[in-house]
C-alpha atoms as a PDB file:
ATOM      1  CA  MET A   1      -1.864  40.029 -18.991  1.00  0.00           C
ATOM      2  CA  GLU A   2      -5.083  38.277 -19.810  1.00  0.00           C
ATOM      3  CA  GLU A   3      -7.938  38.846 -17.321  1.00  0.00           C
ATOM      4  CA  TRP A   4      -8.711  35.734 -15.115  1.00  0.00           C
ATOM      5  CA  ASN A   5     -12.285  34.853 -15.034  1.00  0.00           C
ATOM      6  CA  ASP A   6     -14.592  31.939 -14.846  1.00  0.00           C
ATOM      7  CA  LYS A   7     -14.170  31.050 -18.566  1.00  0.00           C
ATOM      8  CA  ASN A   8     -10.474  31.168 -18.393  1.00  0.00           C
ATOM      9  CA  SER A   9     -10.330  29.073 -15.292  1.00  0.00           C
ATOM     10  CA  ALA A  10     -12.726  26.419 -16.709  1.00  0.00           C
ATOM     11  CA  VAL A  11     -10.606  26.300 -19.879  1.00  0.00           C
ATOM     12  CA  TYR A  12      -7.495  26.008 -17.959  1.00  0.00           C
ATOM     13  CA  VAL A  13      -8.783  23.036 -15.920  1.00  0.00           C
ATOM     14  CA  TYR A  14     -10.464  21.476 -18.899  1.00  0.00           C
ATOM     15  CA  LYS A  15      -7.306  21.685 -20.945  1.00  0.00           C
ATOM     16  CA  LYS A  16      -5.002  20.241 -18.043  1.00  0.00           C
ATOM     17  CA  ILE A  17      -7.405  17.198 -17.497  1.00  0.00           C
ATOM     18  CA  VAL A  18      -7.832  16.549 -21.285  1.00  0.00           C
ATOM     19  CA  GLU A  19      -4.114  16.886 -21.719  1.00  0.00           C
ATOM     20  CA  ALA A  20      -3.359  14.466 -18.957  1.00  0.00           C
ATOM     21  CA  TYR A  21      -5.898  12.129 -20.048  1.00  0.00           C
ATOM     22  CA  LYS A  22      -5.492  12.340 -23.952  1.00  0.00           C
ATOM     23  CA  GLY A  23      -1.985  13.847 -24.523  1.00  0.00           C
ATOM     24  CA  PRO A  24      -0.478  17.211 -25.251  1.00  0.00           C
ATOM     25  CA  LEU A  25      -1.901  17.509 -28.730  1.00  0.00           C
ATOM     26  CA  ALA A  26      -5.397  17.048 -27.282  1.00  0.00           C
ATOM     27  CA  GLY A  27      -4.623  19.880 -24.747  1.00  0.00           C
ATOM     28  CA  LYS A  28      -3.303  22.195 -27.582  1.00  0.00           C
ATOM     29  CA  ILE A  29      -6.535  21.601 -29.494  1.00  0.00           C
ATOM     30  CA  ILE A  30      -8.688  22.483 -26.374  1.00  0.00           C
ATOM     31  CA  GLU A  31      -6.494  25.720 -25.994  1.00  0.00           C
ATOM     32  CA  VAL A  32      -7.036  26.676 -29.609  1.00  0.00           C
ATOM     33  CA  LEU A  33     -10.695  26.045 -29.661  1.00  0.00           C
ATOM     34  CA  ALA A  34     -11.147  28.051 -26.499  1.00  0.00           C
ATOM     35  CA  GLU A  35      -9.156  30.935 -28.094  1.00  0.00           C
ATOM     36  CA  HIS A  36     -10.922  30.893 -31.419  1.00  0.00           C
ATOM     37  CA  GLY A  37     -14.444  29.500 -30.704  1.00  0.00           C
ATOM     38  CA  GLU A  38     -15.038  27.243 -33.572  1.00  0.00           C
ATOM     39  CA  LEU A  39     -12.513  25.872 -36.346  1.00  0.00           C
ATOM     40  CA  THR A  40     -12.446  23.318 -39.149  1.00  0.00           C
ATOM     41  CA  GLU A  41     -10.112  20.351 -38.911  1.00  0.00           C
ATOM     42  CA  ASP A  42      -7.697  22.226 -41.287  1.00  0.00           C
ATOM     43  CA  GLU A  43      -7.734  25.428 -39.454  1.00  0.00           C
ATOM     44  CA  LEU A  44      -7.105  23.460 -36.132  1.00  0.00           C
ATOM     45  CA  ALA A  45      -4.141  21.545 -37.719  1.00  0.00           C
ATOM     46  CA  GLU A  46      -2.673  24.832 -38.994  1.00  0.00           C
ATOM     47  CA  LYS A  47      -3.093  26.634 -35.627  1.00  0.00           C
ATOM     48  CA  VAL A  48      -1.760  23.711 -33.546  1.00  0.00           C
ATOM     49  CA  GLY A  49       1.146  23.103 -35.978  1.00  0.00           C
ATOM     50  CA  ALA A  50       0.502  19.446 -36.407  1.00  0.00           C
ATOM     51  CA  ASP A  51      -0.315  16.876 -39.300  1.00  0.00           C
ATOM     52  CA  GLU A  52      -3.871  17.021 -40.422  1.00  0.00           C
ATOM     53  CA  ALA A  53      -4.401  13.242 -39.999  1.00  0.00           C
ATOM     54  CA  GLU A  54      -3.023  13.274 -36.499  1.00  0.00           C
ATOM     55  CA  VAL A  55      -5.253  16.343 -35.496  1.00  0.00           C
ATOM     56  CA  ARG A  56      -8.230  14.559 -37.103  1.00  0.00           C
ATOM     57  CA  ARG A  57      -7.635  11.411 -35.233  1.00  0.00           C
ATOM     58  CA  VAL A  58      -7.429  13.361 -31.865  1.00  0.00           C
ATOM     59  CA  ILE A  59     -10.432  15.394 -32.651  1.00  0.00           C
ATOM     60  CA  TRP A  60     -12.608  12.327 -33.308  1.00  0.00           C
ATOM     61  CA  VAL A  61     -11.329  10.664 -30.065  1.00  0.00           C
ATOM     62  CA  LEU A  62     -12.185  13.780 -28.149  1.00  0.00           C
ATOM     63  CA  ALA A  63     -15.612  13.993 -29.938  1.00  0.00           C
ATOM     64  CA  SER A  64     -16.487  10.349 -29.314  1.00  0.00           C
ATOM     65  CA  GLU A  65     -16.217  11.078 -25.543  1.00  0.00           C
ATOM     66  CA  GLY A  66     -18.009  14.420 -25.648  1.00  0.00           C
ATOM     67  CA  LEU A  67     -15.017  16.559 -24.989  1.00  0.00           C
ATOM     68  CA  ILE A  68     -15.523  18.646 -28.041  1.00  0.00           C
ATOM     69  CA  VAL A  69     -18.730  19.156 -30.229  1.00  0.00           C
ATOM     70  CA  SER A  70     -19.172  19.883 -33.818  1.00  0.00           C
ATOM     71  CA  LYS A  71     -21.543  21.826 -35.971  1.00  0.00           C
ATOM     72  CA  LYS A  72     -22.193  20.173 -39.278  1.00  0.00           C
ATOM     73  CA  VAL A  73     -22.535  22.748 -42.378  1.00  0.00           C
ATOM     74  CA  VAL A  74     -23.684  21.553 -45.834  1.00  0.00           C
ATOM     75  CA  ASN A  75     -22.903  23.880 -48.633  1.00  0.00           C
ATOM     76  CA  GLU A  76     -24.858  24.239 -51.914  1.00  0.00           C
ATOM     77  CA  THR A  77     -22.826  21.579 -53.775  1.00  0.00           C
ATOM     78  CA  GLY A  78     -23.330  19.109 -50.845  1.00  0.00           C
ATOM     79  CA  TRP A  79     -19.870  19.378 -49.321  1.00  0.00           C
ATOM     80  CA  ILE A  80     -19.890  18.797 -45.463  1.00  0.00           C
ATOM     81  CA  THR A  81     -17.807  20.928 -43.183  1.00  0.00           C
ATOM     82  CA  PHE A  82     -17.448  20.209 -39.569  1.00  0.00           C
ATOM     83  CA  TYR A  83     -16.848  23.312 -37.249  1.00  0.00           C
ATOM     84  CA  TRP A  84     -15.445  22.059 -33.938  1.00  0.00           C
ATOM     85  CA  GLN A  85     -16.007  23.880 -30.681  1.00  0.00           C
ATOM     86  CA  LEU A  86     -15.849  23.426 -26.867  1.00  0.00           C
ATOM     87  CA  PRO A  87     -19.056  22.769 -25.056  1.00  0.00           C
ATOM     88  CA  LEU A  88     -17.943  25.229 -22.301  1.00  0.00           C
ATOM     89  CA  ASP A  89     -21.550  25.249 -20.856  1.00  0.00           C
ATOM     90  CA  GLN A  90     -20.981  21.439 -19.970  1.00  0.00           C
ATOM     91  CA  VAL A  91     -17.420  21.745 -18.581  1.00  0.00           C
ATOM     92  CA  ASP A  92     -18.394  20.893 -15.078  1.00  0.00           C
ATOM     93  CA  GLY A  93     -20.350  17.749 -16.133  1.00  0.00           C
ATOM     94  CA  LEU A  94     -17.441  16.593 -18.629  1.00  0.00           C
ATOM     95  CA  VAL A  95     -14.845  17.203 -15.911  1.00  0.00           C
ATOM     96  CA  LEU A  96     -16.830  15.142 -13.470  1.00  0.00           C
ATOM     97  CA  GLY A  97     -17.303  12.498 -16.069  1.00  0.00           C
ATOM     98  CA  LEU A  98     -13.522  12.207 -16.743  1.00  0.00           C
ATOM     99  CA  TYR A  99     -12.923  12.031 -12.918  1.00  0.00           C
ATOM    100  CA  ARG A 100     -15.336   9.215 -12.586  1.00  0.00           C
ATOM    101  CA  HIS A 101     -13.613   7.391 -15.507  1.00  0.00           C
ATOM    102  CA  ILE A 102     -10.330   7.944 -14.047  1.00  0.00           C
ATOM    103  CA  ILE A 103     -11.477   6.609 -10.751  1.00  0.00           C
ATOM    104  CA  ASP A 104     -12.932   3.576 -12.364  1.00  0.00           C
ATOM    105  CA  ARG A 105      -9.667   2.841 -14.011  1.00  0.00           C
ATOM    106  CA  LEU A 106      -7.692   3.176 -10.866  1.00  0.00           C
ATOM    107  CA  GLU A 107     -10.111   0.898  -9.007  1.00  0.00           C
ATOM    108  CA  GLU A 108      -9.570  -1.531 -11.758  1.00  0.00           C
ATOM    109  CA  LYS A 109      -5.772  -1.394 -11.457  1.00  0.00           C
ATOM    110  CA  LEU A 110      -6.203  -1.516  -7.627  1.00  0.00           C
ATOM    111  CA  ARG A 111      -8.313  -4.753  -7.953  1.00  0.00           C
ATOM    112  CA  TYR A 112      -5.584  -6.267 -10.441  1.00  0.00           C
ATOM    113  CA  GLU A 113      -2.715  -5.321  -7.970  1.00  0.00           C
ATOM    114  CA  THR A 114      -4.406  -6.734  -4.879  1.00  0.00           C
ATOM    115  CA  GLU A 115      -5.936  -9.962  -6.559  1.00  0.00           C
ATOM    116  CA  ASN A 116      -2.540 -10.956  -7.967  1.00  0.00           C
ATOM    117  CA  ILE A 117       0.992 -12.134  -6.661  1.00  0.00           C
ATOM    118  CA  PHE A 118       3.742 -10.746  -8.771  1.00  0.00           C
ATOM    119  CA  TYR A 119       7.312 -12.068  -9.745  1.00  0.00           C
ATOM    120  CA  TRP A 120      10.038 -10.017 -11.315  1.00  0.00           C
ATOM    121  CA  CYS A 121      13.619 -10.554 -12.487  1.00  0.00           C
ATOM    122  CA  MET A 122      14.554  -7.054 -10.926  1.00  0.00           C
ATOM    123  CA  ASP A 123      15.512  -5.592 -14.384  1.00  0.00           C
ATOM    124  CA  PRO A 124      13.708  -2.294 -14.681  1.00  0.00           C
ATOM    125  CA  ASN A 125      13.275  -2.814 -18.433  1.00  0.00           C
ATOM    126  CA  HIS A 126      11.418  -6.045 -17.988  1.00  0.00           C
ATOM    127  CA  SER A 127       7.716  -6.597 -16.978  1.00  0.00           C
ATOM    128  CA  ARG A 128       6.476  -8.199 -13.776  1.00  0.00           C
ATOM    129  CA  LEU A 129       4.639 -11.439 -14.205  1.00  0.00           C
ATOM    130  CA  THR A 130       1.627 -12.752 -12.353  1.00  0.00           C
ATOM    131  CA  PHE A 131       2.061 -16.010 -10.435  1.00  0.00           C
ATOM    132  CA  SER A 132       0.395 -18.038 -13.179  1.00  0.00           C
ATOM    133  CA  GLU A 133       2.608 -16.431 -15.735  1.00  0.00           C
ATOM    134  CA  ALA A 134       5.608 -17.055 -13.622  1.00  0.00           C
ATOM    135  CA  THR A 135       4.790 -20.792 -13.297  1.00  0.00           C
ATOM    136  CA  GLU A 136       4.322 -21.061 -17.029  1.00  0.00           C
ATOM    137  CA  ASN A 137       7.866 -19.706 -17.519  1.00  0.00           C
ATOM    138  CA  MET A 138       9.222 -21.905 -14.609  1.00  0.00           C
ATOM    139  CA  PHE A 139       9.979 -18.921 -12.511  1.00  0.00           C
ATOM    140  CA  ARG A 140      12.505 -17.663 -15.090  1.00  0.00           C
ATOM    141  CA  CYS A 141      12.176 -14.241 -16.947  1.00  0.00           C
ATOM    142  CA  PRO A 142      11.063 -14.859 -20.457  1.00  0.00           C
ATOM    143  CA  VAL A 143      13.335 -11.898 -21.629  1.00  0.00           C
ATOM    144  CA  CYS A 144      16.749 -12.527 -19.823  1.00  0.00           C
ATOM    145  CA  GLY A 145      16.270 -15.957 -18.154  1.00  0.00           C
ATOM    146  CA  LYS A 146      17.115 -14.765 -14.645  1.00  0.00           C
ATOM    147  CA  THR A 147      15.199 -16.361 -11.602  1.00  0.00           C
ATOM    148  CA  LEU A 148      12.034 -14.427 -10.889  1.00  0.00           C
ATOM    149  CA  MET A 149      11.636 -13.185  -7.401  1.00  0.00           C
ATOM    150  CA  PRO A 150       8.575 -12.165  -5.466  1.00  0.00           C
ATOM    151  CA  TYR A 151       7.649  -8.510  -6.182  1.00  0.00           C
ATOM    152  CA  ASP A 152       6.158  -6.424  -3.326  1.00  0.00           C
ATOM    153  CA  ASN A 153       3.524  -4.071  -4.855  1.00  0.00           C
ATOM    154  CA  SER A 154       2.324  -2.793  -1.446  1.00  0.00           C
ATOM    155  CA  GLU A 155       3.746   0.817  -2.127  1.00  0.00           C
ATOM    156  CA  LEU A 156       1.984   0.855  -5.508  1.00  0.00           C
ATOM    157  CA  ILE A 157      -1.385  -0.327  -3.868  1.00  0.00           C
ATOM    158  CA  ALA A 158      -0.951   2.454  -1.188  1.00  0.00           C
ATOM    159  CA  ALA A 159      -0.388   4.996  -4.069  1.00  0.00           C
ATOM    160  CA  ILE A 160      -3.405   3.919  -6.077  1.00  0.00           C
ATOM    161  CA  LYS A 161      -5.562   4.011  -2.752  1.00  0.00           C
ATOM    162  CA  TYR A 162      -4.329   7.621  -2.075  1.00  0.00           C
ATOM    163  CA  CYS A 163      -5.069   8.754  -5.465  1.00  0.00           C
ATOM    164  CA  ILE A 164      -8.535   7.400  -5.462  1.00  0.00           C
ATOM    165  CA  SER A 165      -9.037   8.937  -2.007  1.00  0.00           C
ATOM    166  CA  GLU A 166      -7.918  12.342  -3.132  1.00  0.00           C
ATOM    167  CA  MET A 167      -9.924  12.319  -6.252  1.00  0.00           C
ATOM    168  CA  ARG A 168     -12.927  11.474  -4.288  1.00  0.00           C
ATOM    169  CA  LYS A 169     -12.338  14.307  -2.016  1.00  0.00           C
ATOM    170  CA  ILE A 170     -12.077  16.631  -4.819  1.00  0.00           C
ATOM    171  CA  MET A 171     -15.207  15.427  -6.392  1.00  0.00           C
ATOM    172  CA  LYS A 172     -17.063  15.909  -3.064  1.00  0.00           C
ATOM    173  CA  ASP A 173     -15.578  19.434  -2.504  1.00  0.00           C
ATOM    174  CA  TYR A 174     -16.131  20.699  -6.018  1.00  0.00           C
ATOM    175  CA  PHE A 175     -19.006  18.856  -7.607  1.00  0.00           C
ATOM    176  CA  VAL A 176     -22.446  18.825  -6.260  1.00  0.00           C
ATOM    177  CA  GLU A 177     -24.343  15.860  -7.666  1.00  0.00           C
ATOM    178  CA  GLU A 178     -28.024  16.272  -8.036  1.00  0.00           C
ATOM    179  CA  LYS A 179     -29.847  13.536  -6.120  1.00  0.00           C
ATOM    180  CA  SER A 180     -33.049  11.940  -7.440  1.00  0.00           C
ATOM    181  CA  GLU A 181     -36.191  12.718  -5.449  1.00  0.00           C
ATOM    182  CA  GLU A 182     -37.823   9.542  -4.160  1.00  0.00           C
END
């Protein structure tokens, strides 16, 4: 069994968060980079067993958010090769940034849910409509034509508030933010 140490735990947490945030292929890319250090796009595609174009797309999404970094190597003919790697020395900051981003998105969703009144035809395959959308449709579902009924989103609002609260507790307990000196 592999020895459990700080690097393994950092990679595990990092992989799980990236996977939840960007999908299973992104998580697999993180896992493979952690295992092999640095790899080219082609090597990554081979090791994760996915289409090169899809791996390239996910790599660039991860890189654009600073979740992976590259080293650019130019050979004697001018051919450029990128070697991708994990910035393990920055994992705490990256995870903290992801938490902040997720909390911001949850707060946006909470605002949307609390600032709107919703109506629904009660069909789980159909979307809820805001009050203004419902009035535009004369309180009829635009998909099935059934009468739209008021939708109680209080449980969803409570769940979002709970998630935000729990994430803030985790941030407070596990991340020490540097305070600027005044």
